[in-house]
Amino acid sequence: MYVLGIETSCDETGVAIYHSEQGLLHHDLYSQVSMHEEYGGVVPELASRDHIRKLAPLIKNALKVTGLTHEQVDGVAYTAGPGLMGALLVGCSTARALAWTWGKPAVAVHHMEGHLLAPMLEPNPPKFPFVALLISGGHTLLVKVDGIGRYQLLGESIDDAVGEAFDKTAKLLGLGYPGGPRLAELADSGKSRFKFPRPMTDRPGLDFSFSGLKTFTVNALNKTEKTAEDRADIAYAFQEAAAETLVIKCRRALNQTGLTRLVVAGGVSANKRIRLSLNEMAQALSVDVYFPRLEFCTDNGAMIAYAGCQRLMAGQQNDLQVAAKARWSIDSLTELNAN
């Protein structure tokens, strides 16, 4: 089965073609970072307009590169949420229109399910069941995964997602947009001088809270002369606190479920310090940890094409209604009979 995958949930336009037996045949991604940089963050209306400009050419190129005609495409998968409503509607309406025109089935894909399944694109994919840590600009989730669609939400952020906290802290340090990677780069030149709290680790449970780290950053910064060295040391302390908090919660989740496999995905999973910390924890616990390759950490069409292919092969498809969801709980998804 050849599946065209479309991703337009935020500020990246992703298109991919996945085959059920041959694997990923092509993927392409256009990032809007340079456009949003001058505004210090994503401007939803501009994001939507740019998706409109870029999506059709990317789809045409994907078919050209793979040598496929639309008659050979067996289905279309598209991100229906969660995300920015305007951006989602561009992908949803385009995918639904193509599927209707081509006479093919279409399936709506949950954005975070796409991230969760991204490691399945690797040569050594994880086997079910496993614990998944999904960390991005808009989400921080711990999920027990027994199969595709068989998700139990174990914990989530009660305020800022970890990626959002990185971005806000970067802005406080004058680093601009995109904040997360810039903060991580600055932290590389910092040293262990400040001690930041590990929020919500002194109580039981698997929920997260990162908004307090932003306040702590403000207070710590105001007590310094705000030199380049001060800012680097604060960036280092923030990143260490975020990474250790994630490690503590993942350790609890693994102990609670008794599972020995951990999947880490989402944009923040590209952070080197977080990867190192979780790898060290996994080694100490004799747990296998799986990350997607860096190009599949950020939003991309490949993960949507893969997730959509699994659901289409199980007989799932959506009707002609274009239904985007800005909010959508991952544990409400339909379990696949194939699993």
C-alpha atoms as a PDB file:
ATOM      1  CA  MET A   1       0.000   0.000   0.000  1.00  0.00           C
ATOM      2  CA  TYR A   2       1.329   3.417  -1.039  1.00  0.00           C
ATOM      3  CA  VAL A   3       0.302   6.186   1.380  1.00  0.00           C
ATOM      4  CA  LEU A   4       0.774   9.915   0.954  1.00  0.00           C
ATOM      5  CA  GLY A   5       1.335  11.634   4.319  1.00  0.00           C
ATOM      6  CA  ILE A   6       0.675  15.333   4.947  1.00  0.00           C
ATOM      7  CA  GLU A   7       1.706  17.282   8.051  1.00  0.00           C
ATOM      8  CA  THR A   8       0.755  20.955   8.623  1.00  0.00           C
ATOM      9  CA  SER A   9       0.056  21.230  12.351  1.00  0.00           C
ATOM     10  CA  CYS A  10       2.289  24.228  13.094  1.00  0.00           C
ATOM     11  CA  ASP A  11       5.249  25.792  11.310  1.00  0.00           C
ATOM     12  CA  GLU A  12       6.568  22.939   9.168  1.00  0.00           C
ATOM     13  CA  THR A  13       5.069  21.629   5.945  1.00  0.00           C
ATOM     14  CA  GLY A  14       5.813  17.919   5.662  1.00  0.00           C
ATOM     15  CA  VAL A  15       5.025  15.503   2.834  1.00  0.00           C
ATOM     16  CA  ALA A  16       6.040  11.845   2.544  1.00  0.00           C
ATOM     17  CA  ILE A  17       5.218   8.646   0.721  1.00  0.00           C
ATOM     18  CA  TYR A  18       5.348   5.385   2.662  1.00  0.00           C
ATOM     19  CA  HIS A  19       4.894   1.845   1.346  1.00  0.00           C
ATOM     20  CA  SER A  20       3.622  -0.893   3.628  1.00  0.00           C
ATOM     21  CA  GLU A  21       6.364  -3.329   2.527  1.00  0.00           C
ATOM     22  CA  GLN A  22       9.130  -1.165   1.056  1.00  0.00           C
ATOM     23  CA  GLY A  23       9.080   1.381   3.871  1.00  0.00           C
ATOM     24  CA  LEU A  24       9.658   5.114   3.511  1.00  0.00           C
ATOM     25  CA  LEU A  25      10.147   6.043  -0.146  1.00  0.00           C
ATOM     26  CA  HIS A  26      10.386   9.828   0.112  1.00  0.00           C
ATOM     27  CA  HIS A  27       9.931  12.651   2.569  1.00  0.00           C
ATOM     28  CA  ASP A  28      10.368  16.370   2.289  1.00  0.00           C
ATOM     29  CA  LEU A  29      10.049  19.130   4.837  1.00  0.00           C
ATOM     30  CA  TYR A  30       9.805  22.894   4.544  1.00  0.00           C
ATOM     31  CA  SER A  31      10.473  24.854   7.730  1.00  0.00           C
ATOM     32  CA  GLN A  32       9.027  28.316   8.362  1.00  0.00           C
ATOM     33  CA  VAL A  33      11.577  29.188  11.050  1.00  0.00           C
ATOM     34  CA  SER A  34      13.213  32.005   9.095  1.00  0.00           C
ATOM     35  CA  MET A  35       9.816  33.627   8.463  1.00  0.00           C
ATOM     36  CA  HIS A  36       8.698  33.541  12.097  1.00  0.00           C
ATOM     37  CA  GLU A  37      12.099  34.471  13.523  1.00  0.00           C
ATOM     38  CA  GLU A  38      11.598  38.214  13.155  1.00  0.00           C
ATOM     39  CA  TYR A  39       8.400  37.967  15.245  1.00  0.00           C
ATOM     40  CA  GLY A  40       9.999  35.924  18.033  1.00  0.00           C
ATOM     41  CA  GLY A  41       7.563  33.033  17.612  1.00  0.00           C
ATOM     42  CA  VAL A  42       5.015  31.380  15.359  1.00  0.00           C
ATOM     43  CA  VAL A  43       2.393  33.704  13.862  1.00  0.00           C
ATOM     44  CA  PRO A  44      -0.598  31.401  13.137  1.00  0.00           C
ATOM     45  CA  GLU A  45      -2.004  33.353  10.186  1.00  0.00           C
ATOM     46  CA  LEU A  46       1.375  33.526   8.466  1.00  0.00           C
ATOM     47  CA  ALA A  47       1.905  29.823   9.122  1.00  0.00           C
ATOM     48  CA  SER A  48      -1.395  28.946   7.447  1.00  0.00           C
ATOM     49  CA  ARG A  49      -0.668  31.079   4.396  1.00  0.00           C
ATOM     50  CA  ASP A  50       2.764  29.547   3.974  1.00  0.00           C
ATOM     51  CA  HIS A  51       1.353  26.013   4.158  1.00  0.00           C
ATOM     52  CA  ILE A  52      -0.997  26.962   1.306  1.00  0.00           C
ATOM     53  CA  ARG A  53       1.956  28.125  -0.791  1.00  0.00           C
ATOM     54  CA  LYS A  54       4.241  25.169  -0.108  1.00  0.00           C
ATOM     55  CA  LEU A  55       2.000  22.104   0.216  1.00  0.00           C
ATOM     56  CA  ALA A  56       0.946  21.499  -3.399  1.00  0.00           C
ATOM     57  CA  PRO A  57       4.502  21.833  -4.823  1.00  0.00           C
ATOM     58  CA  LEU A  58       5.806  19.409  -2.179  1.00  0.00           C
ATOM     59  CA  ILE A  59       3.126  16.849  -3.071  1.00  0.00           C
ATOM     60  CA  LYS A  60       3.866  17.160  -6.783  1.00  0.00           C
ATOM     61  CA  ASN A  61       7.572  16.733  -6.103  1.00  0.00           C
ATOM     62  CA  ALA A  62       6.991  13.641  -3.952  1.00  0.00           C
ATOM     63  CA  LEU A  63       5.089  11.944  -6.772  1.00  0.00           C
ATOM     64  CA  LYS A  64       7.731  12.981  -9.293  1.00  0.00           C
ATOM     65  CA  VAL A  65      10.673  11.739  -7.219  1.00  0.00           C
ATOM     66  CA  THR A  66       9.048   8.377  -6.474  1.00  0.00           C
ATOM     67  CA  GLY A  67       7.789   7.982 -10.029  1.00  0.00           C
ATOM     68  CA  LEU A  68       4.249   7.376  -8.814  1.00  0.00           C
ATOM     69  CA  THR A  69       1.050   8.553 -10.397  1.00  0.00           C
ATOM     70  CA  HIS A  70      -1.973   9.445  -8.322  1.00  0.00           C
ATOM     71  CA  GLU A  71      -3.608   6.239  -9.554  1.00  0.00           C
ATOM     72  CA  GLN A  72      -0.912   4.265  -7.719  1.00  0.00           C
ATOM     73  CA  VAL A  73      -1.440   6.059  -4.414  1.00  0.00           C
ATOM     74  CA  ASP A  74      -3.641   3.823  -2.265  1.00  0.00           C
ATOM     75  CA  GLY A  75      -4.542   6.302   0.448  1.00  0.00           C
ATOM     76  CA  VAL A  76      -3.917   9.725   1.966  1.00  0.00           C
ATOM     77  CA  ALA A  77      -3.045  10.358   5.622  1.00  0.00           C
ATOM     78  CA  TYR A  78      -3.158  13.822   7.156  1.00  0.00           C
ATOM     79  CA  THR A  79      -2.618  15.440  10.533  1.00  0.00           C
ATOM     80  CA  ALA A  80      -6.031  16.430  11.910  1.00  0.00           C
ATOM     81  CA  GLY A  81      -4.818  17.637  15.306  1.00  0.00           C
ATOM     82  CA  PRO A  82      -3.793  18.755  17.780  1.00  0.00           C
ATOM     83  CA  GLY A  83      -2.196  21.940  16.508  1.00  0.00           C
ATOM     84  CA  LEU A  84      -2.948  25.402  15.138  1.00  0.00           C
ATOM     85  CA  MET A  85      -6.462  25.312  13.706  1.00  0.00           C
ATOM     86  CA  GLY A  86      -5.714  27.331  10.568  1.00  0.00           C
ATOM     87  CA  ALA A  87      -2.587  25.336   9.781  1.00  0.00           C
ATOM     88  CA  LEU A  88      -4.398  22.042  10.361  1.00  0.00           C
ATOM     89  CA  LEU A  89      -7.224  23.030   8.041  1.00  0.00           C
ATOM     90  CA  VAL A  90      -4.804  23.567   5.160  1.00  0.00           C
ATOM     91  CA  GLY A  91      -3.543  19.997   5.388  1.00  0.00           C
ATOM     92  CA  CYS A  92      -6.945  18.486   6.166  1.00  0.00           C
ATOM     93  CA  SER A  93      -8.743  20.176   3.278  1.00  0.00           C
ATOM     94  CA  THR A  94      -5.949  19.455   0.795  1.00  0.00           C
ATOM     95  CA  ALA A  95      -5.740  15.794   1.781  1.00  0.00           C
ATOM     96  CA  ARG A  96      -9.501  15.313   1.714  1.00  0.00           C
ATOM     97  CA  ALA A  97      -9.794  17.035  -1.679  1.00  0.00           C
ATOM     98  CA  LEU A  98      -7.048  14.892  -3.180  1.00  0.00           C
ATOM     99  CA  ALA A  99      -8.511  11.675  -1.781  1.00  0.00           C
ATOM    100  CA  TRP A 100     -11.971  12.537  -3.116  1.00  0.00           C
ATOM    101  CA  THR A 101     -10.614  13.525  -6.528  1.00  0.00           C
ATOM    102  CA  TRP A 102      -8.453  10.399  -6.783  1.00  0.00           C
ATOM    103  CA  GLY A 103     -11.166   8.099  -5.411  1.00  0.00           C
ATOM    104  CA  LYS A 104      -8.930   6.944  -2.560  1.00  0.00           C
ATOM    105  CA  PRO A 105      -9.529   6.525   1.185  1.00  0.00           C
ATOM    106  CA  ALA A 106      -8.243   9.165   3.574  1.00  0.00           C
ATOM    107  CA  VAL A 107      -7.479   8.877   7.271  1.00  0.00           C
ATOM    108  CA  ALA A 108      -7.034  11.530   9.967  1.00  0.00           C
ATOM    109  CA  VAL A 109      -3.903  11.058  12.070  1.00  0.00           C
ATOM    110  CA  HIS A 110      -3.284  12.302  15.597  1.00  0.00           C
ATOM    111  CA  HIS A 111      -0.141  14.438  15.557  1.00  0.00           C
ATOM    112  CA  MET A 112       1.261  12.938  18.767  1.00  0.00           C
ATOM    113  CA  GLU A 113       0.531   9.400  17.597  1.00  0.00           C
ATOM    114  CA  GLY A 114       2.710  10.268  14.627  1.00  0.00           C
ATOM    115  CA  HIS A 115       5.543  11.271  16.964  1.00  0.00           C
ATOM    116  CA  LEU A 116       4.978   8.215  19.139  1.00  0.00           C
ATOM    117  CA  LEU A 117       5.345   5.910  16.126  1.00  0.00           C
ATOM    118  CA  ALA A 118       8.266   7.793  14.506  1.00  0.00           C
ATOM    119  CA  PRO A 119      10.854   5.328  15.923  1.00  0.00           C
ATOM    120  CA  MET A 120       9.075   2.612  13.912  1.00  0.00           C
ATOM    121  CA  LEU A 121      10.761   4.129  10.848  1.00  0.00           C
ATOM    122  CA  GLU A 122      14.173   3.105  12.182  1.00  0.00           C
ATOM    123  CA  PRO A 123      16.015  -0.127  11.250  1.00  0.00           C
ATOM    124  CA  ASN A 124      15.598  -1.428  14.820  1.00  0.00           C
ATOM    125  CA  PRO A 125      12.080  -0.368  15.844  1.00  0.00           C
ATOM    126  CA  PRO A 126      10.721  -0.959  19.367  1.00  0.00           C
ATOM    127  CA  LYS A 127       8.281  -3.759  20.033  1.00  0.00           C
ATOM    128  CA  PHE A 128       5.049  -3.307  21.966  1.00  0.00           C
ATOM    129  CA  PRO A 129       4.471  -2.752  24.835  1.00  0.00           C
ATOM    130  CA  PHE A 130       6.547   0.246  25.886  1.00  0.00           C
ATOM    131  CA  VAL A 131       6.421   3.538  27.768  1.00  0.00           C
ATOM    132  CA  ALA A 132       6.531   6.617  25.543  1.00  0.00           C
ATOM    133  CA  LEU A 133       7.768  10.053  26.560  1.00  0.00           C
ATOM    134  CA  LEU A 134       6.434  12.599  24.079  1.00  0.00           C
ATOM    135  CA  ILE A 135       8.113  15.982  24.431  1.00  0.00           C
ATOM    136  CA  SER A 136       7.517  18.935  22.130  1.00  0.00           C
ATOM    137  CA  GLY A 137       6.727  22.623  22.119  1.00  0.00           C
ATOM    138  CA  GLY A 138       3.092  21.971  22.924  1.00  0.00           C
ATOM    139  CA  HIS A 139       3.070  18.633  24.740  1.00  0.00           C
ATOM    140  CA  THR A 140       4.749  16.678  27.516  1.00  0.00           C
ATOM    141  CA  LEU A 141       3.167  13.245  27.865  1.00  0.00           C
ATOM    142  CA  LEU A 142       3.975   9.879  29.405  1.00  0.00           C
ATOM    143  CA  VAL A 143       1.969   7.107  27.754  1.00  0.00           C
ATOM    144  CA  LYS A 144       1.775   3.348  28.229  1.00  0.00           C
ATOM    145  CA  VAL A 145       1.621   1.876  24.734  1.00  0.00           C
ATOM    146  CA  ASP A 146       0.302  -1.671  24.245  1.00  0.00           C
ATOM    147  CA  GLY A 147      -0.231  -1.304  20.484  1.00  0.00           C
ATOM    148  CA  ILE A 148      -1.357   1.219  17.903  1.00  0.00           C
ATOM    149  CA  GLY A 149      -4.379   2.949  19.387  1.00  0.00           C
ATOM    150  CA  ARG A 150      -3.943   1.176  22.726  1.00  0.00           C
ATOM    151  CA  TYR A 151      -2.739   4.103  24.792  1.00  0.00           C
ATOM    152  CA  GLN A 152      -3.007   4.801  28.505  1.00  0.00           C
ATOM    153  CA  LEU A 153      -2.098   8.331  29.527  1.00  0.00           C
ATOM    154  CA  LEU A 154       0.151   8.116  32.597  1.00  0.00           C
ATOM    155  CA  GLY A 155       1.085  11.768  33.045  1.00  0.00           C
ATOM    156  CA  GLU A 156       1.119  15.142  31.344  1.00  0.00           C
ATOM    157  CA  SER A 157       2.130  18.730  31.963  1.00  0.00           C
ATOM    158  CA  ILE A 158      -0.325  20.753  34.021  1.00  0.00           C
ATOM    159  CA  ASP A 159       1.023  24.013  32.574  1.00  0.00           C
ATOM    160  CA  ASP A 160       3.879  24.686  30.127  1.00  0.00           C
ATOM    161  CA  ALA A 161       5.125  21.830  27.987  1.00  0.00           C
ATOM    162  CA  VAL A 162       8.873  21.262  28.287  1.00  0.00           C
ATOM    163  CA  GLY A 163       9.507  22.657  24.799  1.00  0.00           C
ATOM    164  CA  GLU A 164       7.450  25.729  25.625  1.00  0.00           C
ATOM    165  CA  ALA A 165       9.489  26.199  28.808  1.00  0.00           C
ATOM    166  CA  PHE A 166      12.714  26.009  26.791  1.00  0.00           C
ATOM    167  CA  ASP A 167      11.419  28.643  24.367  1.00  0.00           C
ATOM    168  CA  LYS A 168      10.203  31.004  27.097  1.00  0.00           C
ATOM    169  CA  THR A 169      13.441  30.685  29.058  1.00  0.00           C
ATOM    170  CA  ALA A 170      15.443  31.338  25.898  1.00  0.00           C
ATOM    171  CA  LYS A 171      13.452  34.513  25.339  1.00  0.00           C
ATOM    172  CA  LEU A 172      14.223  35.656  28.898  1.00  0.00           C
ATOM    173  CA  LEU A 173      17.897  35.134  28.116  1.00  0.00           C
ATOM    174  CA  GLY A 174      17.582  37.196  24.941  1.00  0.00           C
ATOM    175  CA  LEU A 175      18.181  34.266  22.604  1.00  0.00           C
ATOM    176  CA  GLY A 176      15.332  34.810  20.164  1.00  0.00           C
ATOM    177  CA  TYR A 177      13.488  32.182  18.127  1.00  0.00           C
ATOM    178  CA  PRO A 178      13.676  29.206  17.861  1.00  0.00           C
ATOM    179  CA  GLY A 179      14.535  29.255  21.536  1.00  0.00           C
ATOM    180  CA  GLY A 180      15.057  25.607  22.447  1.00  0.00           C
ATOM    181  CA  PRO A 181      18.048  24.852  20.197  1.00  0.00           C
ATOM    182  CA  ARG A 182      19.634  28.221  21.003  1.00  0.00           C
ATOM    183  CA  LEU A 183      19.340  27.638  24.736  1.00  0.00           C
ATOM    184  CA  ALA A 184      20.883  24.185  24.363  1.00  0.00           C
ATOM    185  CA  GLU A 185      23.767  25.676  22.402  1.00  0.00           C
ATOM    186  CA  LEU A 186      24.337  28.347  25.055  1.00  0.00           C
ATOM    187  CA  ALA A 187      24.182  25.717  27.820  1.00  0.00           C
ATOM    188  CA  ASP A 188      27.121  23.908  26.207  1.00  0.00           C
ATOM    189  CA  SER A 189      29.357  26.807  27.292  1.00  0.00           C
ATOM    190  CA  GLY A 190      27.867  27.027  30.798  1.00  0.00           C
ATOM    191  CA  LYS A 191      28.999  25.430  34.041  1.00  0.00           C
ATOM    192  CA  SER A 192      27.403  24.069  37.194  1.00  0.00           C
ATOM    193  CA  ARG A 193      26.963  27.252  39.214  1.00  0.00           C
ATOM    194  CA  PHE A 194      23.210  27.505  39.834  1.00  0.00           C
ATOM    195  CA  LYS A 195      20.902  24.877  41.274  1.00  0.00           C
ATOM    196  CA  PHE A 196      17.411  24.931  39.776  1.00  0.00           C
ATOM    197  CA  PRO A 197      14.495  22.953  41.244  1.00  0.00           C
ATOM    198  CA  ARG A 198      13.217  19.684  39.757  1.00  0.00           C
ATOM    199  CA  PRO A 199       9.499  20.553  39.774  1.00  0.00           C
ATOM    200  CA  MET A 200       6.923  18.051  41.058  1.00  0.00           C
ATOM    201  CA  THR A 201       9.540  15.380  41.746  1.00  0.00           C
ATOM    202  CA  ASP A 202       9.160  15.666  45.515  1.00  0.00           C
ATOM    203  CA  ARG A 203       5.651  14.191  45.383  1.00  0.00           C
ATOM    204  CA  PRO A 204       4.205  11.014  43.890  1.00  0.00           C
ATOM    205  CA  GLY A 205       2.713  10.969  40.424  1.00  0.00           C
ATOM    206  CA  LEU A 206       3.741  11.291  36.795  1.00  0.00           C
ATOM    207  CA  ASP A 207       2.449  14.759  35.895  1.00  0.00           C
ATOM    208  CA  PHE A 208       4.838  17.559  34.968  1.00  0.00           C
ATOM    209  CA  SER A 209       5.071  21.282  35.673  1.00  0.00           C
ATOM    210  CA  PHE A 210       7.658  23.488  33.990  1.00  0.00           C
ATOM    211  CA  SER A 211       6.255  27.000  34.400  1.00  0.00           C
ATOM    212  CA  GLY A 212       8.037  27.444  37.739  1.00  0.00           C
ATOM    213  CA  LEU A 213      11.407  27.028  36.070  1.00  0.00           C
ATOM    214  CA  LYS A 214      10.692  30.155  34.050  1.00  0.00           C
ATOM    215  CA  THR A 215      10.048  32.137  37.245  1.00  0.00           C
ATOM    216  CA  PHE A 216      13.177  30.681  38.829  1.00  0.00           C
ATOM    217  CA  THR A 217      15.153  31.762  35.763  1.00  0.00           C
ATOM    218  CA  VAL A 218      13.910  35.349  36.102  1.00  0.00           C
ATOM    219  CA  ASN A 219      14.880  35.486  39.773  1.00  0.00           C
ATOM    220  CA  ALA A 220      18.297  33.909  39.164  1.00  0.00           C
ATOM    221  CA  LEU A 221      19.037  36.243  36.261  1.00  0.00           C
ATOM    222  CA  ASN A 222      18.048  39.338  38.244  1.00  0.00           C
ATOM    223  CA  LYS A 223      20.606  38.432  40.928  1.00  0.00           C
ATOM    224  CA  THR A 224      23.451  38.570  38.409  1.00  0.00           C
ATOM    225  CA  GLU A 225      25.023  41.239  36.239  1.00  0.00           C
ATOM    226  CA  LYS A 226      23.517  39.431  33.220  1.00  0.00           C
ATOM    227  CA  THR A 227      26.880  38.896  31.574  1.00  0.00           C
ATOM    228  CA  ALA A 228      27.398  36.318  28.838  1.00  0.00           C
ATOM    229  CA  GLU A 229      28.849  33.976  31.460  1.00  0.00           C
ATOM    230  CA  ASP A 230      25.821  34.482  33.745  1.00  0.00           C
ATOM    231  CA  ARG A 231      23.415  33.687  30.932  1.00  0.00           C
ATOM    232  CA  ALA A 232      25.351  30.583  29.887  1.00  0.00           C
ATOM    233  CA  ASP A 233      25.415  29.254  33.449  1.00  0.00           C
ATOM    234  CA  ILE A 234      21.687  29.856  33.840  1.00  0.00           C
ATOM    235  CA  ALA A 235      20.984  28.105  30.540  1.00  0.00           C
ATOM    236  CA  TYR A 236      23.073  25.176  31.753  1.00  0.00           C
ATOM    237  CA  ALA A 237      21.182  25.025  35.064  1.00  0.00           C
ATOM    238  CA  PHE A 238      17.796  25.185  33.350  1.00  0.00           C
ATOM    239  CA  GLN A 239      18.634  22.417  30.898  1.00  0.00           C
ATOM    240  CA  GLU A 240      19.997  20.201  33.671  1.00  0.00           C
ATOM    241  CA  ALA A 241      16.816  20.697  35.706  1.00  0.00           C
ATOM    242  CA  ALA A 242      14.561  19.903  32.750  1.00  0.00           C
ATOM    243  CA  ALA A 243      16.557  16.812  31.786  1.00  0.00           C
ATOM    244  CA  GLU A 244      16.694  15.410  35.312  1.00  0.00           C
ATOM    245  CA  THR A 245      12.969  16.028  35.805  1.00  0.00           C
ATOM    246  CA  LEU A 246      12.220  13.997  32.678  1.00  0.00           C
ATOM    247  CA  VAL A 247      14.555  11.236  33.866  1.00  0.00           C
ATOM    248  CA  ILE A 248      12.889  11.018  37.285  1.00  0.00           C
ATOM    249  CA  LYS A 249       9.409  10.808  35.777  1.00  0.00           C
ATOM    250  CA  CYS A 250      10.442   8.220  33.181  1.00  0.00           C
ATOM    251  CA  ARG A 251      12.060   6.085  35.867  1.00  0.00           C
ATOM    252  CA  ARG A 252       8.830   6.202  37.852  1.00  0.00           C
ATOM    253  CA  ALA A 253       6.754   5.300  34.807  1.00  0.00           C
ATOM    254  CA  LEU A 254       8.951   2.314  33.986  1.00  0.00           C
ATOM    255  CA  ASN A 255       8.857   1.098  37.590  1.00  0.00           C
ATOM    256  CA  GLN A 256       5.087   1.606  37.774  1.00  0.00           C
ATOM    257  CA  THR A 257       4.353  -0.315  34.568  1.00  0.00           C
ATOM    258  CA  GLY A 258       7.103  -2.902  34.889  1.00  0.00           C
ATOM    259  CA  LEU A 259       8.065  -2.323  31.255  1.00  0.00           C
ATOM    260  CA  THR A 260      11.639  -2.421  29.970  1.00  0.00           C
ATOM    261  CA  ARG A 261      11.314  -0.363  26.782  1.00  0.00           C
ATOM    262  CA  LEU A 262      11.168   3.427  26.571  1.00  0.00           C
ATOM    263  CA  VAL A 263      10.395   5.444  23.440  1.00  0.00           C
ATOM    264  CA  VAL A 264      11.299   9.146  23.435  1.00  0.00           C
ATOM    265  CA  ALA A 265       9.957  11.293  20.597  1.00  0.00           C
ATOM    266  CA  GLY A 266       8.891  14.818  19.683  1.00  0.00           C
ATOM    267  CA  GLY A 267      10.898  17.923  18.884  1.00  0.00           C
ATOM    268  CA  VAL A 268      12.613  18.169  22.275  1.00  0.00           C
ATOM    269  CA  SER A 269      13.893  14.579  21.934  1.00  0.00           C
ATOM    270  CA  ALA A 270      16.567  16.053  19.658  1.00  0.00           C
ATOM    271  CA  ASN A 271      18.160  17.780  22.678  1.00  0.00           C
ATOM    272  CA  LYS A 272      21.586  16.182  23.240  1.00  0.00           C
ATOM    273  CA  ARG A 273      21.602  16.586  27.011  1.00  0.00           C
ATOM    274  CA  ILE A 274      18.153  15.044  27.401  1.00  0.00           C
ATOM    275  CA  ARG A 275      19.153  12.120  25.170  1.00  0.00           C
ATOM    276  CA  LEU A 276      22.318  11.532  27.168  1.00  0.00           C
ATOM    277  CA  SER A 277      20.492  11.683  30.514  1.00  0.00           C
ATOM    278  CA  LEU A 278      17.800   9.232  29.415  1.00  0.00           C
ATOM    279  CA  ASN A 279      20.381   6.885  27.903  1.00  0.00           C
ATOM    280  CA  GLU A 280      22.289   6.893  31.189  1.00  0.00           C
ATOM    281  CA  MET A 281      19.099   6.115  33.106  1.00  0.00           C
ATOM    282  CA  ALA A 282      18.197   3.324  30.686  1.00  0.00           C
ATOM    283  CA  GLN A 283      21.626   1.756  31.041  1.00  0.00           C
ATOM    284  CA  ALA A 284      21.403   1.850  34.842  1.00  0.00           C
ATOM    285  CA  LEU A 285      17.966   0.192  34.772  1.00  0.00           C
ATOM    286  CA  SER A 286      18.827  -2.283  31.979  1.00  0.00           C
ATOM    287  CA  VAL A 287      16.086  -0.712  29.861  1.00  0.00           C
ATOM    288  CA  ASP A 288      16.105  -0.288  26.088  1.00  0.00           C
ATOM    289  CA  VAL A 289      15.529   3.287  24.944  1.00  0.00           C
ATOM    290  CA  TYR A 290      14.531   4.289  21.412  1.00  0.00           C
ATOM    291  CA  PHE A 291      14.769   7.693  19.715  1.00  0.00           C
ATOM    292  CA  PRO A 292      13.798   8.673  16.173  1.00  0.00           C
ATOM    293  CA  ARG A 293      16.611  10.022  14.027  1.00  0.00           C
ATOM    294  CA  LEU A 294      17.013  13.777  14.374  1.00  0.00           C
ATOM    295  CA  GLU A 295      15.173  14.604  11.142  1.00  0.00           C
ATOM    296  CA  PHE A 296      12.099  12.756  12.461  1.00  0.00           C
ATOM    297  CA  CYS A 297      12.124  14.446  15.887  1.00  0.00           C
ATOM    298  CA  THR A 298      10.584  17.610  14.502  1.00  0.00           C
ATOM    299  CA  ASP A 299       7.183  17.613  12.791  1.00  0.00           C
ATOM    300  CA  ASN A 300       7.375  15.648   9.534  1.00  0.00           C
ATOM    301  CA  GLY A 301       5.257  13.906   6.939  1.00  0.00           C
ATOM    302  CA  ALA A 302       7.038  10.548   7.277  1.00  0.00           C
ATOM    303  CA  MET A 303       5.576   9.800  10.713  1.00  0.00           C
ATOM    304  CA  ILE A 304       2.092  10.756   9.483  1.00  0.00           C
ATOM    305  CA  ALA A 305       2.417   8.540   6.407  1.00  0.00           C
ATOM    306  CA  TYR A 306       3.530   5.607   8.580  1.00  0.00           C
ATOM    307  CA  ALA A 307       0.786   6.037  11.178  1.00  0.00           C
ATOM    308  CA  GLY A 308      -1.810   6.548   8.463  1.00  0.00           C
ATOM    309  CA  CYS A 309      -0.655   3.455   6.598  1.00  0.00           C
ATOM    310  CA  GLN A 310      -1.175   1.286   9.680  1.00  0.00           C
ATOM    311  CA  ARG A 311      -4.703   2.602  10.160  1.00  0.00           C
ATOM    312  CA  LEU A 312      -5.624   2.359   6.485  1.00  0.00           C
ATOM    313  CA  MET A 313      -4.413  -1.245   6.339  1.00  0.00           C
ATOM    314  CA  ALA A 314      -6.622  -2.007   9.338  1.00  0.00           C
ATOM    315  CA  GLY A 315      -9.611  -0.682   7.390  1.00  0.00           C
ATOM    316  CA  GLN A 316      -9.961   2.683   9.073  1.00  0.00           C
ATOM    317  CA  GLN A 317     -10.826   5.774   7.030  1.00  0.00           C
ATOM    318  CA  ASN A 318     -12.586   9.084   7.503  1.00  0.00           C
ATOM    319  CA  ASP A 319     -15.563  10.482   5.621  1.00  0.00           C
ATOM    320  CA  LEU A 320     -15.648  13.613   3.482  1.00  0.00           C
ATOM    321  CA  GLN A 321     -16.088  15.964   6.417  1.00  0.00           C
ATOM    322  CA  VAL A 322     -13.018  18.131   7.050  1.00  0.00           C
ATOM    323  CA  ALA A 323     -12.632  17.976  10.827  1.00  0.00           C
ATOM    324  CA  ALA A 324      -9.542  19.494  12.420  1.00  0.00           C
ATOM    325  CA  LYS A 325      -9.047  19.398  16.192  1.00  0.00           C
ATOM    326  CA  ALA A 326      -6.918  21.972  17.969  1.00  0.00           C
ATOM    327  CA  ARG A 327      -7.176  19.791  21.089  1.00  0.00           C
ATOM    328  CA  TRP A 328      -7.364  16.007  20.928  1.00  0.00           C
ATOM    329  CA  SER A 329      -6.535  13.535  23.690  1.00  0.00           C
ATOM    330  CA  ILE A 330      -4.298  10.690  22.541  1.00  0.00           C
ATOM    331  CA  ASP A 331      -5.998   8.150  24.810  1.00  0.00           C
ATOM    332  CA  SER A 332      -9.277   8.666  22.925  1.00  0.00           C
ATOM    333  CA  LEU A 333      -7.942   7.085  19.729  1.00  0.00           C
ATOM    334  CA  THR A 334      -9.416   3.929  18.255  1.00  0.00           C
ATOM    335  CA  GLU A 335      -7.583   0.669  18.861  1.00  0.00           C
ATOM    336  CA  LEU A 336      -6.571  -1.188  15.726  1.00  0.00           C
ATOM    337  CA  ASN A 337      -7.928  -4.704  15.362  1.00  0.00           C
ATOM    338  CA  ALA A 338      -4.656  -5.627  13.691  1.00  0.00           C
ATOM    339  CA  ASN A 339      -2.896  -5.238  17.005  1.00  0.00           C
END
